[in-house]
N, C-alpha and C. Protein backbone atom coordinates (compact mmCIF):
# COMPACT_ATOMS: atom_id res chain seq x y z
N MET A 1 -129.10 -62.05 166.55
CA MET A 1 -129.47 -62.88 165.42
C MET A 1 -128.36 -62.90 164.37
N TYR A 2 -127.78 -61.73 164.14
CA TYR A 2 -126.71 -61.64 163.15
C TYR A 2 -125.47 -62.41 163.61
N ASP A 3 -125.23 -62.43 164.89
CA ASP A 3 -124.09 -63.20 165.42
C ASP A 3 -124.28 -64.69 165.19
N ALA A 4 -125.50 -65.17 165.37
CA ALA A 4 -125.77 -66.59 165.16
C ALA A 4 -125.58 -66.97 163.70
N ILE A 5 -126.03 -66.11 162.80
CA ILE A 5 -125.87 -66.39 161.37
C ILE A 5 -124.39 -66.34 160.99
N ALA A 6 -123.65 -65.40 161.53
CA ALA A 6 -122.22 -65.29 161.24
C ALA A 6 -121.47 -66.52 161.74
N ARG A 7 -121.82 -67.01 162.93
CA ARG A 7 -121.18 -68.24 163.45
C ARG A 7 -121.52 -69.43 162.58
N PHE A 8 -122.77 -69.51 162.12
CA PHE A 8 -123.18 -70.63 161.28
C PHE A 8 -122.42 -70.62 159.96
N ILE A 9 -122.28 -69.46 159.36
CA ILE A 9 -121.58 -69.35 158.08
C ILE A 9 -120.08 -69.64 158.27
N GLY A 10 -119.51 -69.21 159.37
CA GLY A 10 -118.08 -69.41 159.62
C GLY A 10 -117.73 -70.81 160.10
N SER A 11 -118.71 -71.57 160.52
CA SER A 11 -118.45 -72.91 161.05
C SER A 11 -118.09 -73.87 159.93
N GLU A 12 -117.07 -74.69 160.16
CA GLU A 12 -116.65 -75.68 159.17
C GLU A 12 -116.93 -77.11 159.63
N ASP A 13 -117.66 -77.28 160.71
CA ASP A 13 -117.95 -78.61 161.23
C ASP A 13 -118.76 -79.43 160.23
N GLY A 14 -119.74 -78.83 159.62
CA GLY A 14 -120.57 -79.55 158.64
C GLY A 14 -119.77 -79.95 157.42
N ALA A 15 -118.89 -79.07 156.97
CA ALA A 15 -118.07 -79.37 155.79
C ALA A 15 -117.13 -80.55 156.09
N THR A 16 -116.59 -80.58 157.28
CA THR A 16 -115.70 -81.68 157.64
C THR A 16 -116.45 -83.00 157.69
N ALA A 17 -117.66 -82.98 158.22
CA ALA A 17 -118.46 -84.19 158.29
C ALA A 17 -118.81 -84.69 156.89
N ILE A 18 -119.12 -83.77 156.00
CA ILE A 18 -119.43 -84.16 154.62
C ILE A 18 -118.20 -84.74 153.93
N GLU A 19 -117.05 -84.16 154.19
CA GLU A 19 -115.82 -84.69 153.59
C GLU A 19 -115.55 -86.11 154.07
N TYR A 20 -115.72 -86.35 155.37
CA TYR A 20 -115.52 -87.70 155.89
C TYR A 20 -116.54 -88.67 155.31
N ALA A 21 -117.77 -88.23 155.12
CA ALA A 21 -118.80 -89.09 154.52
C ALA A 21 -118.44 -89.42 153.08
N LEU A 22 -117.92 -88.47 152.34
CA LEU A 22 -117.52 -88.73 150.95
C LEU A 22 -116.34 -89.69 150.90
N ILE A 23 -115.39 -89.55 151.81
CA ILE A 23 -114.26 -90.48 151.86
C ILE A 23 -114.74 -91.89 152.18
N ALA A 24 -115.66 -92.01 153.14
CA ALA A 24 -116.19 -93.32 153.50
C ALA A 24 -116.96 -93.94 152.34
N ALA A 25 -117.73 -93.13 151.62
CA ALA A 25 -118.49 -93.64 150.47
C ALA A 25 -117.55 -94.10 149.36
N ALA A 26 -116.51 -93.34 149.10
CA ALA A 26 -115.55 -93.73 148.05
C ALA A 26 -114.82 -95.01 148.43
N THR A 27 -114.45 -95.14 149.70
CA THR A 27 -113.79 -96.35 150.16
C THR A 27 -114.72 -97.55 150.02
N GLY A 28 -115.98 -97.38 150.38
CA GLY A 28 -116.95 -98.46 150.26
C GLY A 28 -117.15 -98.89 148.81
N LEU A 29 -117.24 -97.92 147.92
CA LEU A 29 -117.40 -98.26 146.50
C LEU A 29 -116.17 -98.99 145.96
N ALA A 30 -115.00 -98.56 146.38
CA ALA A 30 -113.78 -99.24 145.93
C ALA A 30 -113.74 -100.68 146.43
N LEU A 31 -114.15 -100.90 147.67
CA LEU A 31 -114.17 -102.26 148.21
C LEU A 31 -115.18 -103.13 147.49
N VAL A 32 -116.34 -102.58 147.21
CA VAL A 32 -117.37 -103.35 146.50
C VAL A 32 -116.88 -103.71 145.10
N ALA A 33 -116.12 -102.83 144.47
CA ALA A 33 -115.63 -103.09 143.12
C ALA A 33 -114.51 -104.13 143.11
N VAL A 34 -113.70 -104.18 144.16
CA VAL A 34 -112.51 -105.03 144.17
C VAL A 34 -112.77 -106.40 144.79
N MET A 35 -113.69 -106.50 145.71
CA MET A 35 -113.89 -107.75 146.45
C MET A 35 -114.22 -108.96 145.58
N PRO A 36 -115.05 -108.86 144.55
CA PRO A 36 -115.30 -110.06 143.74
C PRO A 36 -114.02 -110.62 143.10
N THR A 37 -113.14 -109.76 142.65
CA THR A 37 -111.89 -110.22 142.04
C THR A 37 -111.00 -110.87 143.09
N ILE A 38 -110.92 -110.26 144.25
CA ILE A 38 -110.09 -110.83 145.31
C ILE A 38 -110.65 -112.19 145.74
N GLY A 39 -111.97 -112.28 145.85
CA GLY A 39 -112.58 -113.55 146.25
C GLY A 39 -112.33 -114.65 145.26
N THR A 40 -112.43 -114.34 143.98
CA THR A 40 -112.18 -115.34 142.93
C THR A 40 -110.73 -115.80 142.95
N ASN A 41 -109.81 -114.85 143.05
CA ASN A 41 -108.39 -115.21 143.06
C ASN A 41 -108.03 -115.99 144.32
N LEU A 42 -108.58 -115.60 145.44
CA LEU A 42 -108.29 -116.30 146.69
C LEU A 42 -108.85 -117.71 146.66
N SER A 43 -110.03 -117.87 146.11
CA SER A 43 -110.63 -119.19 146.01
C SER A 43 -109.78 -120.11 145.11
N ALA A 44 -109.30 -119.55 144.01
CA ALA A 44 -108.45 -120.34 143.10
C ALA A 44 -107.14 -120.74 143.79
N GLN A 45 -106.61 -119.89 144.62
CA GLN A 45 -105.36 -120.19 145.30
C GLN A 45 -105.54 -121.22 146.42
N LEU A 46 -106.68 -121.17 147.09
CA LEU A 46 -106.88 -122.04 148.24
C LEU A 46 -107.59 -123.36 147.91
N SER A 47 -108.13 -123.52 146.71
CA SER A 47 -108.86 -124.74 146.39
C SER A 47 -107.99 -126.00 146.46
N PRO A 48 -106.71 -125.97 146.11
CA PRO A 48 -105.89 -127.18 146.27
C PRO A 48 -105.58 -127.52 147.72
N LEU A 49 -105.81 -126.60 148.62
CA LEU A 49 -105.47 -126.81 150.01
C LEU A 49 -106.37 -127.86 150.68
N GLY A 50 -107.65 -127.89 150.31
CA GLY A 50 -108.58 -128.84 150.92
C GLY A 50 -108.18 -130.29 150.70
N PRO A 51 -107.97 -130.73 149.46
CA PRO A 51 -107.54 -132.11 149.24
C PRO A 51 -106.17 -132.41 149.85
N ALA A 52 -105.28 -131.42 149.88
CA ALA A 52 -103.95 -131.66 150.44
C ALA A 52 -104.06 -131.89 151.95
N LEU A 53 -104.94 -131.17 152.61
CA LEU A 53 -105.11 -131.38 154.05
C LEU A 53 -105.81 -132.69 154.35
N ALA A 54 -106.65 -133.13 153.43
CA ALA A 54 -107.37 -134.40 153.64
C ALA A 54 -106.48 -135.60 153.31
N GLY A 55 -105.33 -135.37 152.71
CA GLY A 55 -104.42 -136.47 152.38
C GLY A 55 -104.67 -137.02 151.00
N ASN A 56 -105.46 -136.36 150.18
CA ASN A 56 -105.77 -136.82 148.83
C ASN A 56 -104.97 -136.01 147.80
N THR A 57 -103.69 -135.89 147.98
CA THR A 57 -102.89 -135.11 147.04
C THR A 57 -102.70 -135.89 145.76
N PRO A 58 -102.81 -135.21 144.64
CA PRO A 58 -102.63 -135.92 143.36
C PRO A 58 -101.20 -136.26 143.05
């Protein structure tokens, strides 16, 4: 029984999984925060492309 508890305490598998989960959560939050700005800027950049492709250039 003591050997099982010692192995459990010495194991770092759970800590590694938690670290990866925290990295994934931080990455997700960063993407959620940045995507609206990127979408707005990209839309502003590409909006003249539609009329230009249709042949209605000003």
